[in-house]
């Protein structure tokens, strides 16, 4: 019994998940602002920098979670679940930053309605990810577990919406764009944006597994 008291227990994993989720939402909103104000080079650069700040802040949280896993004997969730979830969350912000960098590196001069729609779905997915991780500490409460599963289903639906938007955008792109360079640029941007919702769905799938095991 005395030995058990000496061992680090629980840690603050849920607080770190919440902190990371907040950075995901912050980065997604900054990315949305960048897209909305893309025609203004100053604002575009400012919001792209904000995405980078959120990504670096999230990286620090991810590193902290991984360090805590090494020094904590008893964790509130299975170690593999904690490791998988924080890394899946980190992938979302990595992709948000990658998407903003691709738009800059490819010297994309303007963004159309399809980019805006994909960005909007990405933000909604990211905000639902932020919400669902706040529910993790109370999954043993039936209503909370049910809410978490509903949020995961919502993320799945949003990912399907992003798929449909991208397919429509790609079809239009290959029918209407005559400049091969612009076609290549926009194709890459569409694929990056659609992948953001894919990464959010990865988190939803992990959370769903955690709910089913722990509720």
N, C-alpha and C. Protein backbone atom coordinates (compact mmCIF):
# COMPACT_ATOMS: atom_id res chain seq x y z
N UNK A 1 0.83 -1.20 0.00
CA UNK A 1 0.00 0.00 0.00
C UNK A 1 0.87 1.25 0.00
N UNK A 2 1.89 1.26 0.85
CA UNK A 2 2.80 2.41 0.93
C UNK A 2 3.52 2.60 -0.40
N UNK A 3 3.94 1.48 -1.01
CA UNK A 3 4.62 1.54 -2.31
C UNK A 3 3.73 2.19 -3.35
N UNK A 4 2.46 1.82 -3.34
CA UNK A 4 1.53 2.37 -4.30
C UNK A 4 1.39 3.87 -4.16
N UNK A 5 1.48 4.37 -2.93
CA UNK A 5 1.35 5.81 -2.72
C UNK A 5 2.54 6.58 -3.28
N UNK A 6 3.68 5.89 -3.40
CA UNK A 6 4.87 6.56 -3.92
C UNK A 6 4.87 6.66 -5.44
N UNK A 7 4.04 5.88 -6.09
CA UNK A 7 4.04 5.84 -7.54
C UNK A 7 3.18 6.96 -8.11
N UNK A 8 3.68 7.66 -9.13
CA UNK A 8 2.87 8.71 -9.76
C UNK A 8 1.60 8.11 -10.36
N UNK A 9 0.45 8.72 -10.04
CA UNK A 9 -0.81 8.18 -10.51
C UNK A 9 -1.60 9.23 -11.27
N UNK A 10 -2.38 8.76 -12.22
CA UNK A 10 -3.31 9.58 -12.99
C UNK A 10 -2.63 10.65 -13.85
N UNK A 11 -1.86 11.54 -13.25
CA UNK A 11 -1.31 12.64 -14.02
C UNK A 11 -2.41 13.61 -14.41
N UNK A 12 -2.14 14.50 -15.35
CA UNK A 12 -3.18 15.46 -15.78
C UNK A 12 -3.43 15.30 -17.28
N UNK A 13 -3.60 14.05 -17.68
CA UNK A 13 -3.77 13.76 -19.11
C UNK A 13 -4.99 14.43 -19.70
N UNK A 14 -6.10 14.43 -18.98
CA UNK A 14 -7.32 15.03 -19.52
C UNK A 14 -7.14 16.54 -19.71
N UNK A 15 -6.46 17.18 -18.76
CA UNK A 15 -6.19 18.62 -18.92
C UNK A 15 -5.32 18.88 -20.15
N UNK A 16 -4.36 18.00 -20.37
CA UNK A 16 -3.49 18.17 -21.54
C UNK A 16 -4.26 17.92 -22.84
N UNK A 17 -5.15 16.94 -22.83
CA UNK A 17 -6.01 16.74 -24.01
C UNK A 17 -6.83 18.00 -24.29
N UNK A 18 -7.38 18.58 -23.23
CA UNK A 18 -8.18 19.80 -23.40
C UNK A 18 -7.34 20.94 -23.95
N UNK A 19 -6.12 21.07 -23.45
CA UNK A 19 -5.24 22.13 -23.92
C UNK A 19 -4.91 21.93 -25.41
N UNK A 20 -4.63 20.69 -25.77
CA UNK A 20 -4.33 20.40 -27.18
C UNK A 20 -5.54 20.66 -28.05
N UNK A 21 -6.72 20.24 -27.57
CA UNK A 21 -7.95 20.48 -28.32
C UNK A 21 -8.20 21.96 -28.56
N UNK A 22 -7.88 22.77 -27.55
CA UNK A 22 -8.04 24.22 -27.70
C UNK A 22 -7.11 24.76 -28.78
N UNK A 23 -5.91 24.21 -28.87
CA UNK A 23 -4.98 24.64 -29.91
C UNK A 23 -5.46 24.21 -31.29
N UNK A 24 -6.07 23.03 -31.38
CA UNK A 24 -6.63 22.59 -32.66
C UNK A 24 -7.70 23.56 -33.14
N UNK A 25 -8.61 23.91 -32.24
CA UNK A 25 -9.68 24.84 -32.61
C UNK A 25 -9.11 26.21 -32.96
N UNK A 26 -8.13 26.67 -32.20
CA UNK A 26 -7.51 27.97 -32.47
C UNK A 26 -6.82 27.96 -33.83
N UNK A 27 -6.07 26.90 -34.10
CA UNK A 27 -5.39 26.79 -35.39
C UNK A 27 -6.37 26.72 -36.54
N UNK A 28 -7.47 26.01 -36.35
CA UNK A 28 -8.47 25.88 -37.42
C UNK A 28 -9.12 27.22 -37.71
N UNK A 29 -9.43 27.98 -36.66
CA UNK A 29 -10.04 29.30 -36.87
C UNK A 29 -9.07 30.25 -37.55
N UNK A 30 -7.80 30.17 -37.17
CA UNK A 30 -6.79 31.01 -37.84
C UNK A 30 -6.68 30.63 -39.31
N UNK A 31 -6.73 29.33 -39.58
CA UNK A 31 -6.67 28.88 -40.98
C UNK A 31 -7.88 29.40 -41.76
N UNK A 32 -9.06 29.34 -41.14
CA UNK A 32 -10.26 29.84 -41.80
C UNK A 32 -10.13 31.33 -42.10
N UNK A 33 -9.59 32.08 -41.15
CA UNK A 33 -9.37 33.51 -41.37
C UNK A 33 -8.39 33.75 -42.52
N UNK A 34 -7.37 32.93 -42.58
CA UNK A 34 -6.40 33.06 -43.65
C UNK A 34 -7.08 32.87 -45.01
N UNK A 35 -7.95 31.87 -45.10
CA UNK A 35 -8.65 31.61 -46.36
C UNK A 35 -9.60 32.77 -46.68
N UNK A 36 -10.33 33.25 -45.68
CA UNK A 36 -11.29 34.31 -45.91
C UNK A 36 -10.63 35.62 -46.34
N UNK A 37 -9.44 35.87 -45.81
CA UNK A 37 -8.74 37.13 -46.12
C UNK A 37 -7.53 36.87 -47.02
N UNK A 38 -7.64 35.85 -47.84
CA UNK A 38 -6.49 35.43 -48.65
C UNK A 38 -6.04 36.51 -49.62
N UNK A 39 -6.96 37.35 -50.06
CA UNK A 39 -6.61 38.39 -51.03
C UNK A 39 -5.80 39.52 -50.41
N UNK A 40 -5.74 39.56 -49.08
CA UNK A 40 -4.96 40.58 -48.39
C UNK A 40 -3.64 39.94 -47.92
N UNK A 41 -2.52 40.24 -48.56
CA UNK A 41 -1.25 39.58 -48.23
C UNK A 41 -0.82 39.75 -46.77
N UNK A 42 -1.12 40.90 -46.19
CA UNK A 42 -0.72 41.15 -44.80
C UNK A 42 -1.52 40.28 -43.85
N UNK A 43 -2.84 40.27 -44.02
CA UNK A 43 -3.68 39.44 -43.15
C UNK A 43 -3.42 37.95 -43.41
N UNK A 44 -3.21 37.60 -44.67
CA UNK A 44 -2.91 36.21 -45.00
C UNK A 44 -1.68 35.73 -44.23
N UNK A 45 -0.64 36.53 -44.23
CA UNK A 45 0.60 36.16 -43.53
C UNK A 45 0.39 36.10 -42.03
N UNK A 46 -0.39 37.06 -41.51
CA UNK A 46 -0.66 37.08 -40.07
C UNK A 46 -1.37 35.81 -39.61
N UNK A 47 -2.43 35.45 -40.32
CA UNK A 47 -3.21 34.27 -39.91
C UNK A 47 -2.44 32.97 -40.16
N UNK A 48 -1.63 32.93 -41.20
CA UNK A 48 -0.79 31.76 -41.42
C UNK A 48 0.20 31.60 -40.26
N UNK A 49 0.72 32.73 -39.77
CA UNK A 49 1.63 32.69 -38.62
C UNK A 49 0.89 32.20 -37.38
N UNK A 50 -0.37 32.59 -37.24
CA UNK A 50 -1.17 32.12 -36.09
C UNK A 50 -1.38 30.61 -36.13
N UNK A 51 -1.56 30.07 -37.34
CA UNK A 51 -1.66 28.61 -37.48
C UNK A 51 -0.37 27.95 -36.98
N UNK A 52 0.77 28.52 -37.37
CA UNK A 52 2.06 27.99 -36.94
C UNK A 52 2.24 28.06 -35.44
N UNK A 53 1.77 29.13 -34.82
CA UNK A 53 1.88 29.26 -33.36
C UNK A 53 1.06 28.17 -32.67
N UNK A 54 -0.17 27.95 -33.15
CA UNK A 54 -1.01 26.91 -32.57
C UNK A 54 -0.36 25.53 -32.74
N UNK A 55 0.24 25.30 -33.90
CA UNK A 55 0.89 24.00 -34.15
C UNK A 55 2.05 23.78 -33.19
N UNK A 56 2.85 24.81 -32.96
CA UNK A 56 4.00 24.67 -32.05
C UNK A 56 3.53 24.50 -30.60
N UNK A 57 2.48 25.22 -30.22
CA UNK A 57 1.94 25.05 -28.87
C UNK A 57 1.43 23.63 -28.67
N UNK A 58 0.77 23.10 -29.68
CA UNK A 58 0.25 21.73 -29.60
C UNK A 58 1.39 20.72 -29.54
N UNK A 59 2.46 20.97 -30.28
CA UNK A 59 3.62 20.08 -30.22
C UNK A 59 4.16 19.98 -28.80
N UNK A 60 4.18 21.11 -28.11
CA UNK A 60 4.68 21.10 -26.72
C UNK A 60 3.77 20.27 -25.83
N UNK A 61 2.46 20.36 -26.05
CA UNK A 61 1.53 19.54 -25.26
C UNK A 61 1.74 18.06 -25.56
N UNK A 62 1.90 17.73 -26.83
CA UNK A 62 2.14 16.33 -27.22
C UNK A 62 3.39 15.78 -26.55
N UNK A 63 4.45 16.57 -26.56
CA UNK A 63 5.69 16.14 -25.91
C UNK A 63 5.48 15.95 -24.41
N UNK A 64 4.69 16.84 -23.82
CA UNK A 64 4.42 16.74 -22.38
C UNK A 64 3.64 15.47 -22.06
N UNK A 65 2.67 15.15 -22.90
CA UNK A 65 1.89 13.92 -22.69
C UNK A 65 2.79 12.70 -22.79
N UNK A 66 3.66 12.66 -23.78
CA UNK A 66 4.54 11.51 -23.94
C UNK A 66 5.53 11.38 -22.79
N UNK A 67 5.99 12.52 -22.25
CA UNK A 67 6.86 12.47 -21.07
C UNK A 67 6.09 11.95 -19.87
N UNK A 68 4.85 12.43 -19.72
CA UNK A 68 4.03 12.01 -18.59
C UNK A 68 3.74 10.51 -18.63
N UNK A 69 3.61 9.97 -19.82
CA UNK A 69 3.37 8.52 -19.93
C UNK A 69 4.53 7.72 -19.36
N UNK A 70 5.75 8.24 -19.50
CA UNK A 70 6.93 7.53 -19.00
C UNK A 70 7.06 7.61 -17.48
N UNK A 71 6.52 8.67 -16.88
CA UNK A 71 6.73 8.84 -15.44
C UNK A 71 5.48 8.55 -14.61
N UNK A 72 4.39 8.19 -15.28
CA UNK A 72 3.15 7.92 -14.56
C UNK A 72 2.88 6.42 -14.53
N UNK A 73 2.68 5.89 -13.34
CA UNK A 73 2.49 4.45 -13.18
C UNK A 73 1.06 4.04 -13.51
N UNK A 74 0.10 4.79 -12.99
CA UNK A 74 -1.31 4.48 -13.21
C UNK A 74 -1.91 5.61 -14.05
N UNK A 75 -2.44 5.27 -15.20
CA UNK A 75 -3.00 6.28 -16.10
C UNK A 75 -4.52 6.12 -16.17
N UNK A 76 -5.25 7.22 -16.46
CA UNK A 76 -6.72 7.16 -16.47
C UNK A 76 -7.29 6.38 -17.64
N UNK A 77 -6.51 6.22 -18.70
CA UNK A 77 -6.87 5.41 -19.86
C UNK A 77 -5.71 4.49 -20.18
N UNK A 78 -5.97 3.51 -21.02
CA UNK A 78 -4.90 2.64 -21.47
C UNK A 78 -3.78 3.46 -22.11
N UNK A 79 -2.54 3.09 -21.86
CA UNK A 79 -1.40 3.85 -22.37
C UNK A 79 -1.43 3.96 -23.89
N UNK A 80 -1.78 2.88 -24.56
CA UNK A 80 -1.84 2.91 -26.02
C UNK A 80 -2.92 3.87 -26.50
N UNK A 81 -4.02 3.94 -25.76
CA UNK A 81 -5.09 4.87 -26.14
C UNK A 81 -4.63 6.32 -25.98
N UNK A 82 -3.94 6.60 -24.89
CA UNK A 82 -3.44 7.96 -24.66
C UNK A 82 -2.44 8.34 -25.75
N UNK A 83 -1.50 7.45 -26.01
CA UNK A 83 -0.47 7.72 -27.01
C UNK A 83 -1.08 7.90 -28.39
N UNK A 84 -1.99 7.00 -28.75
CA UNK A 84 -2.62 7.09 -30.06
C UNK A 84 -3.46 8.33 -30.22
N UNK A 85 -4.20 8.70 -29.17
CA UNK A 85 -5.09 9.85 -29.26
C UNK A 85 -4.32 11.15 -29.38
N UNK A 86 -3.30 11.36 -28.56
CA UNK A 86 -2.58 12.64 -28.62
C UNK A 86 -1.84 12.79 -29.94
N UNK A 87 -1.33 11.69 -30.47
CA UNK A 87 -0.63 11.78 -31.75
C UNK A 87 -1.60 11.99 -32.91
N UNK A 88 -2.79 11.40 -32.82
CA UNK A 88 -3.80 11.63 -33.85
C UNK A 88 -4.27 13.08 -33.81
N UNK A 89 -4.42 13.63 -32.62
CA UNK A 89 -4.78 15.04 -32.49
C UNK A 89 -3.68 15.93 -33.07
N UNK A 90 -2.44 15.56 -32.81
CA UNK A 90 -1.32 16.36 -33.31
C UNK A 90 -1.27 16.36 -34.84
N UNK A 91 -1.67 15.24 -35.43
CA UNK A 91 -1.69 15.14 -36.90
C UNK A 91 -2.63 16.18 -37.52
N UNK A 92 -3.70 16.53 -36.80
CA UNK A 92 -4.65 17.51 -37.33
C UNK A 92 -3.98 18.86 -37.51
N UNK A 93 -3.29 19.31 -36.46
CA UNK A 93 -2.63 20.61 -36.55
C UNK A 93 -1.46 20.59 -37.52
N UNK A 94 -0.76 19.48 -37.58
CA UNK A 94 0.32 19.37 -38.58
C UNK A 94 -0.24 19.58 -39.98
N UNK A 95 -1.40 19.00 -40.24
CA UNK A 95 -1.98 19.11 -41.58
C UNK A 95 -2.54 20.51 -41.84
N UNK A 96 -3.07 21.15 -40.81
CA UNK A 96 -3.51 22.54 -40.97
C UNK A 96 -2.33 23.43 -41.37
N UNK A 97 -1.20 23.23 -40.68
CA UNK A 97 -0.03 24.02 -41.02
C UNK A 97 0.49 23.66 -42.41
N UNK A 98 0.52 22.36 -42.72
CA UNK A 98 0.96 21.93 -44.06
C UNK A 98 0.09 22.58 -45.14
N UNK A 99 -1.21 22.64 -44.89
CA UNK A 99 -2.13 23.20 -45.88
C UNK A 99 -1.84 24.68 -46.11
N UNK A 100 -1.61 25.42 -45.03
CA UNK A 100 -1.30 26.84 -45.20
C UNK A 100 0.03 27.03 -45.91
N UNK A 101 0.99 26.15 -45.64
CA UNK A 101 2.30 26.27 -46.29
C UNK A 101 2.23 25.90 -47.76
N UNK A 102 1.43 24.90 -48.10
CA UNK A 102 1.27 24.51 -49.50
C UNK A 102 0.68 25.67 -50.31
N UNK A 103 -0.30 26.34 -49.75
CA UNK A 103 -0.91 27.46 -50.46
C UNK A 103 0.11 28.57 -50.70
N UNK A 104 1.02 28.76 -49.75
CA UNK A 104 2.06 29.78 -49.90
C UNK A 104 3.16 29.32 -50.85
N UNK A 105 3.64 28.09 -50.66
CA UNK A 105 4.74 27.60 -51.48
C UNK A 105 4.35 27.48 -52.95
N UNK A 106 3.10 27.13 -53.21
CA UNK A 106 2.63 27.01 -54.58
C UNK A 106 2.23 28.36 -55.18
N UNK A 107 2.39 29.40 -54.36
CA UNK A 107 2.09 30.76 -54.82
C UNK A 107 0.67 30.86 -55.37
N UNK A 108 -0.25 30.26 -54.61
CA UNK A 108 -1.66 30.33 -55.00
C UNK A 108 -2.12 31.78 -54.90
N UNK A 109 -2.62 32.31 -56.00
CA UNK A 109 -2.95 33.74 -56.05
C UNK A 109 -4.33 34.07 -55.50
N UNK A 110 -5.23 33.13 -55.59
CA UNK A 110 -6.58 33.37 -55.08
C UNK A 110 -7.22 32.04 -54.71
N UNK A 111 -8.26 32.10 -53.90
CA UNK A 111 -8.98 30.89 -53.51
C UNK A 111 -10.44 31.05 -53.93
N UNK A 112 -11.03 29.94 -54.36
CA UNK A 112 -12.41 29.97 -54.81
C UNK A 112 -13.35 29.41 -53.77
N UNK A 113 -14.59 29.23 -54.18
CA UNK A 113 -15.64 28.76 -53.29
C UNK A 113 -15.36 27.36 -52.76
N UNK A 114 -14.76 26.51 -53.57
CA UNK A 114 -14.49 25.14 -53.13
C UNK A 114 -13.49 25.11 -51.98
N UNK A 115 -12.45 25.92 -52.06
CA UNK A 115 -11.48 26.00 -50.97
C UNK A 115 -12.15 26.51 -49.71
N UNK A 116 -12.99 27.52 -49.87
CA UNK A 116 -13.69 28.08 -48.72
C UNK A 116 -14.60 27.04 -48.06
N UNK A 117 -15.32 26.29 -48.87
CA UNK A 117 -16.24 25.27 -48.32
C UNK A 117 -15.47 24.17 -47.60
N UNK A 118 -14.37 23.73 -48.18
CA UNK A 118 -13.56 22.71 -47.53
C UNK A 118 -12.97 23.22 -46.22
N UNK A 119 -12.56 24.48 -46.22
CA UNK A 119 -12.01 25.06 -44.99
C UNK A 119 -13.09 25.15 -43.91
N UNK A 120 -14.30 25.50 -44.30
CA UNK A 120 -15.41 25.59 -43.34
C UNK A 120 -15.69 24.23 -42.69
N UNK A 121 -15.71 23.18 -43.50
CA UNK A 121 -15.94 21.84 -42.96
C UNK A 121 -14.79 21.45 -42.03
N UNK A 122 -13.57 21.81 -42.41
CA UNK A 122 -12.41 21.50 -41.58
C UNK A 122 -12.53 22.15 -40.20
N UNK A 123 -12.95 23.40 -40.18
CA UNK A 123 -13.10 24.11 -38.90
C UNK A 123 -14.16 23.44 -38.04
N UNK A 124 -15.28 23.10 -38.65
CA UNK A 124 -16.35 22.44 -37.88
C UNK A 124 -15.87 21.10 -37.32
N UNK A 125 -15.12 20.35 -38.11
CA UNK A 125 -14.56 19.08 -37.62
C UNK A 125 -13.64 19.33 -36.43
N UNK A 126 -12.77 20.30 -36.56
CA UNK A 126 -11.80 20.59 -35.50
C UNK A 126 -12.49 21.03 -34.22
N UNK A 127 -13.54 21.82 -34.36
CA UNK A 127 -14.28 22.26 -33.18
C UNK A 127 -14.99 21.10 -32.50
N UNK A 128 -15.46 20.13 -33.28
CA UNK A 128 -16.09 18.94 -32.69
C UNK A 128 -15.05 18.06 -32.00
N UNK A 129 -13.85 18.01 -32.56
CA UNK A 129 -12.77 17.28 -31.88
C UNK A 129 -12.48 17.93 -30.53
N UNK A 130 -12.38 19.25 -30.52
CA UNK A 130 -12.14 19.94 -29.25
C UNK A 130 -13.23 19.58 -28.24
N UNK A 131 -14.46 19.58 -28.69
CA UNK A 131 -15.57 19.28 -27.77
C UNK A 131 -15.50 17.86 -27.24
N UNK A 132 -15.26 16.90 -28.13
CA UNK A 132 -15.35 15.51 -27.70
C UNK A 132 -14.28 15.14 -26.68
N UNK A 133 -13.09 15.75 -26.78
CA UNK A 133 -12.05 15.40 -25.80
C UNK A 133 -12.36 15.96 -24.43
N UNK A 134 -13.19 17.02 -24.36
CA UNK A 134 -13.58 17.54 -23.05
C UNK A 134 -14.48 16.57 -22.30
N UNK A 135 -15.06 15.61 -23.01
CA UNK A 135 -15.99 14.66 -22.39
C UNK A 135 -15.28 13.45 -21.80
N UNK A 136 -14.02 13.26 -22.13
CA UNK A 136 -13.31 12.04 -21.73
C UNK A 136 -13.29 11.78 -20.22
N UNK A 137 -13.15 12.79 -19.36
CA UNK A 137 -13.07 12.48 -17.92
C UNK A 137 -14.36 11.90 -17.34
N UNK A 138 -15.51 12.06 -18.02
CA UNK A 138 -16.79 11.67 -17.43
C UNK A 138 -17.52 10.62 -18.26
N UNK A 139 -16.76 9.78 -18.93
CA UNK A 139 -17.39 8.80 -19.82
C UNK A 139 -18.22 7.76 -19.07
N UNK A 140 -17.97 7.60 -17.78
CA UNK A 140 -18.76 6.62 -17.02
C UNK A 140 -20.17 7.12 -16.75
N UNK A 141 -20.41 8.38 -17.00
CA UNK A 141 -21.78 8.92 -16.94
C UNK A 141 -22.44 8.63 -18.28
N UNK A 142 -23.55 7.93 -18.24
CA UNK A 142 -24.18 7.44 -19.47
C UNK A 142 -24.49 8.56 -20.46
N UNK A 143 -25.00 9.68 -19.96
CA UNK A 143 -25.37 10.78 -20.85
C UNK A 143 -24.14 11.38 -21.52
N UNK A 144 -23.03 11.41 -20.79
CA UNK A 144 -21.80 11.95 -21.36
C UNK A 144 -21.26 11.02 -22.44
N UNK A 145 -21.28 9.72 -22.15
CA UNK A 145 -20.83 8.74 -23.14
C UNK A 145 -21.67 8.82 -24.41
N UNK A 146 -22.98 8.98 -24.24
CA UNK A 146 -23.86 9.09 -25.39
C UNK A 146 -23.55 10.35 -26.19
N UNK A 147 -23.29 11.45 -25.49
CA UNK A 147 -22.93 12.71 -26.16
C UNK A 147 -21.63 12.57 -26.94
N UNK A 148 -20.67 11.85 -26.35
CA UNK A 148 -19.39 11.65 -27.03
C UNK A 148 -19.58 10.86 -28.32
N UNK A 149 -20.40 9.80 -28.26
CA UNK A 149 -20.64 9.00 -29.45
C UNK A 149 -21.37 9.80 -30.53
N UNK A 150 -22.30 10.64 -30.13
CA UNK A 150 -23.01 11.48 -31.09
C UNK A 150 -22.06 12.48 -31.76
N UNK A 151 -21.12 13.01 -30.98
CA UNK A 151 -20.14 13.94 -31.54
C UNK A 151 -19.24 13.22 -32.53
N UNK A 152 -18.85 11.99 -32.21
CA UNK A 152 -18.04 11.19 -33.14
C UNK A 152 -18.80 10.95 -34.44
N UNK A 153 -20.10 10.67 -34.33
CA UNK A 153 -20.92 10.47 -35.53
C UNK A 153 -20.99 11.75 -36.35
N UNK A 154 -21.07 12.89 -35.66
CA UNK A 154 -21.11 14.17 -36.36
C UNK A 154 -19.81 14.41 -37.14
N UNK A 155 -18.69 14.07 -36.52
CA UNK A 155 -17.40 14.21 -37.21
C UNK A 155 -17.37 13.31 -38.44
N UNK A 156 -17.89 12.10 -38.31
CA UNK A 156 -17.95 11.18 -39.46
C UNK A 156 -18.78 11.79 -40.59
N UNK A 157 -19.90 12.40 -40.25
CA UNK A 157 -20.74 13.01 -41.29
C UNK A 157 -20.03 14.19 -41.95
N UNK A 158 -19.33 14.97 -41.16
CA UNK A 158 -18.59 16.09 -41.72
C UNK A 158 -17.48 15.61 -42.65
N UNK A 159 -16.84 14.51 -42.28
CA UNK A 159 -15.81 13.94 -43.16
C UNK A 159 -16.42 13.50 -44.48
N UNK A 160 -17.61 12.94 -44.43
CA UNK A 160 -18.29 12.55 -45.66
C UNK A 160 -18.64 13.77 -46.50
N UNK A 161 -19.04 14.85 -45.83
CA UNK A 161 -19.33 16.11 -46.54
C UNK A 161 -18.07 16.61 -47.25
N UNK A 162 -16.94 16.55 -46.56
CA UNK A 162 -15.68 17.00 -47.16
C UNK A 162 -15.33 16.15 -48.38
N UNK A 163 -15.58 14.84 -48.30
CA UNK A 163 -15.35 13.96 -49.44
C UNK A 163 -16.17 14.39 -50.65
N UNK A 164 -17.44 14.68 -50.41
CA UNK A 164 -18.33 15.07 -51.50
C UNK A 164 -17.91 16.41 -52.11
N UNK A 165 -17.55 17.35 -51.24
CA UNK A 165 -17.11 18.66 -51.74
C UNK A 165 -15.85 18.51 -52.58
N UNK A 166 -14.92 17.69 -52.12
CA UNK A 166 -13.68 17.52 -52.86
C UNK A 166 -13.92 16.84 -54.20
N UNK A 167 -14.76 15.81 -54.24
CA UNK A 167 -15.04 15.13 -55.51
C UNK A 167 -15.67 16.10 -56.51
N UNK A 168 -16.59 16.91 -56.03
CA UNK A 168 -17.22 17.90 -56.90
C UNK A 168 -16.21 18.93 -57.38
N UNK A 169 -15.34 19.38 -56.46
CA UNK A 169 -14.32 20.38 -56.81
C UNK A 169 -13.34 19.81 -57.83
N UNK A 170 -12.93 18.56 -57.62
CA UNK A 170 -11.99 17.92 -58.55
C UNK A 170 -12.61 17.77 -59.93
N UNK A 171 -13.86 17.37 -59.97
CA UNK A 171 -14.54 17.20 -61.25
C UNK A 171 -14.59 18.53 -62.01
N UNK A 172 -14.95 19.58 -61.30
CA UNK A 172 -15.02 20.90 -61.91
C UNK A 172 -13.64 21.37 -62.36
N UNK A 173 -12.65 21.11 -61.51
CA UNK A 173 -11.28 21.53 -61.82
C UNK A 173 -10.78 20.91 -63.12
N UNK A 174 -10.97 19.59 -63.26
CA UNK A 174 -10.46 18.91 -64.45
C UNK A 174 -11.29 19.22 -65.70
N UNK A 175 -12.51 19.67 -65.52
CA UNK A 175 -13.32 20.06 -66.67
C UNK A 175 -13.02 21.48 -67.13
N UNK A 176 -12.75 22.37 -66.18
CA UNK A 176 -12.73 23.80 -66.50
C UNK A 176 -11.36 24.46 -66.50
N UNK A 177 -10.41 23.93 -65.72
CA UNK A 177 -9.12 24.61 -65.60
C UNK A 177 -8.22 24.27 -66.80
N UNK A 178 -7.81 25.29 -67.53
CA UNK A 178 -6.99 25.06 -68.72
C UNK A 178 -5.50 25.24 -68.43
N UNK A 179 -5.18 25.91 -67.35
CA UNK A 179 -3.78 26.11 -66.97
C UNK A 179 -3.31 24.91 -66.14
N UNK A 180 -2.40 24.14 -66.71
CA UNK A 180 -1.95 22.91 -66.04
C UNK A 180 -1.33 23.19 -64.68
N UNK A 181 -0.57 24.27 -64.59
CA UNK A 181 0.06 24.60 -63.31
C UNK A 181 -0.97 24.90 -62.23
N UNK A 182 -1.99 25.66 -62.60
CA UNK A 182 -3.04 25.97 -61.62
C UNK A 182 -3.79 24.70 -61.23
N UNK A 183 -4.00 23.83 -62.20
CA UNK A 183 -4.68 22.57 -61.91
C UNK A 183 -3.91 21.77 -60.87
N UNK A 184 -2.60 21.66 -61.04
CA UNK A 184 -1.76 20.91 -60.11
C UNK A 184 -1.79 21.54 -58.72
N UNK A 185 -1.72 22.87 -58.68
CA UNK A 185 -1.74 23.58 -57.40
C UNK A 185 -3.05 23.33 -56.65
N UNK A 186 -4.15 23.54 -57.36
CA UNK A 186 -5.45 23.42 -56.70
C UNK A 186 -5.75 21.98 -56.30
N UNK A 187 -5.33 21.03 -57.12
CA UNK A 187 -5.53 19.63 -56.76
C UNK A 187 -4.84 19.32 -55.43
N UNK A 188 -3.61 19.79 -55.26
CA UNK A 188 -2.87 19.56 -54.02
C UNK A 188 -3.55 20.24 -52.83
N UNK A 189 -4.05 21.45 -53.04
CA UNK A 189 -4.73 22.17 -51.97
C UNK A 189 -6.02 21.44 -51.56
N UNK A 190 -6.81 21.02 -52.55
CA UNK A 190 -8.04 20.29 -52.24
C UNK A 190 -7.74 19.02 -51.43
N UNK A 191 -6.72 18.30 -51.84
CA UNK A 191 -6.38 17.05 -51.16
C UNK A 191 -5.93 17.29 -49.73
N UNK A 192 -5.14 18.34 -49.52
CA UNK A 192 -4.71 18.67 -48.16
C UNK A 192 -5.90 19.04 -47.28
N UNK A 193 -6.79 19.86 -47.82
CA UNK A 193 -7.93 20.30 -47.02
C UNK A 193 -8.86 19.13 -46.68
N UNK A 194 -9.09 18.27 -47.65
CA UNK A 194 -9.95 17.11 -47.36
C UNK A 194 -9.33 16.20 -46.33
N UNK A 195 -8.00 16.12 -46.31
CA UNK A 195 -7.31 15.24 -45.37
C UNK A 195 -7.44 15.72 -43.93
N UNK A 196 -7.70 17.01 -43.72
CA UNK A 196 -7.89 17.51 -42.36
C UNK A 196 -9.08 16.80 -41.70
N UNK A 197 -10.17 16.69 -42.43
CA UNK A 197 -11.34 15.99 -41.88
C UNK A 197 -11.06 14.50 -41.70
N UNK A 198 -10.20 13.92 -42.54
CA UNK A 198 -9.81 12.52 -42.36
C UNK A 198 -9.11 12.33 -41.02
N UNK A 199 -8.21 13.26 -40.69
CA UNK A 199 -7.48 13.16 -39.43
C UNK A 199 -8.42 13.37 -38.25
N UNK A 200 -9.41 14.24 -38.41
CA UNK A 200 -10.41 14.42 -37.35
C UNK A 200 -11.21 13.13 -37.16
N UNK A 201 -11.51 12.45 -38.26
CA UNK A 201 -12.23 11.18 -38.17
C UNK A 201 -11.37 10.14 -37.46
N UNK A 202 -10.05 10.17 -37.67
CA UNK A 202 -9.17 9.25 -36.94
C UNK A 202 -9.33 9.45 -35.43
N UNK A 203 -9.38 10.71 -35.00
CA UNK A 203 -9.57 11.00 -33.57
C UNK A 203 -10.93 10.49 -33.12
N UNK A 204 -11.96 10.73 -33.92
CA UNK A 204 -13.30 10.27 -33.56
C UNK A 204 -13.34 8.75 -33.39
N UNK A 205 -12.67 8.03 -34.27
CA UNK A 205 -12.65 6.57 -34.17
C UNK A 205 -11.95 6.11 -32.89
N UNK A 206 -10.86 6.79 -32.53
CA UNK A 206 -10.16 6.46 -31.30
C UNK A 206 -11.03 6.76 -30.08
N UNK A 207 -11.69 7.91 -30.08
CA UNK A 207 -12.55 8.27 -28.95
C UNK A 207 -13.71 7.29 -28.84
N UNK A 208 -14.25 6.90 -29.98
CA UNK A 208 -15.35 5.94 -29.95
C UNK A 208 -14.91 4.64 -29.28
N UNK A 209 -13.71 4.18 -29.60
CA UNK A 209 -13.19 2.98 -28.96
C UNK A 209 -13.00 3.16 -27.46
N UNK A 210 -12.53 4.33 -27.06
CA UNK A 210 -12.33 4.62 -25.65
C UNK A 210 -13.69 4.64 -24.93
N UNK A 211 -14.68 5.24 -25.56
CA UNK A 211 -16.03 5.30 -24.95
C UNK A 211 -16.56 3.89 -24.75
N UNK A 212 -16.46 3.06 -25.74
CA UNK A 212 -17.03 1.71 -25.66
C UNK A 212 -16.31 0.86 -24.62
N UNK A 213 -15.02 1.13 -24.40
CA UNK A 213 -14.27 0.36 -23.42
C UNK A 213 -14.43 0.89 -21.99
N UNK A 214 -14.74 2.17 -21.85
CA UNK A 214 -14.69 2.77 -20.53
C UNK A 214 -16.04 3.27 -20.00
N UNK A 215 -17.07 3.22 -20.81
CA UNK A 215 -18.37 3.72 -20.33
C UNK A 215 -19.17 2.59 -19.69
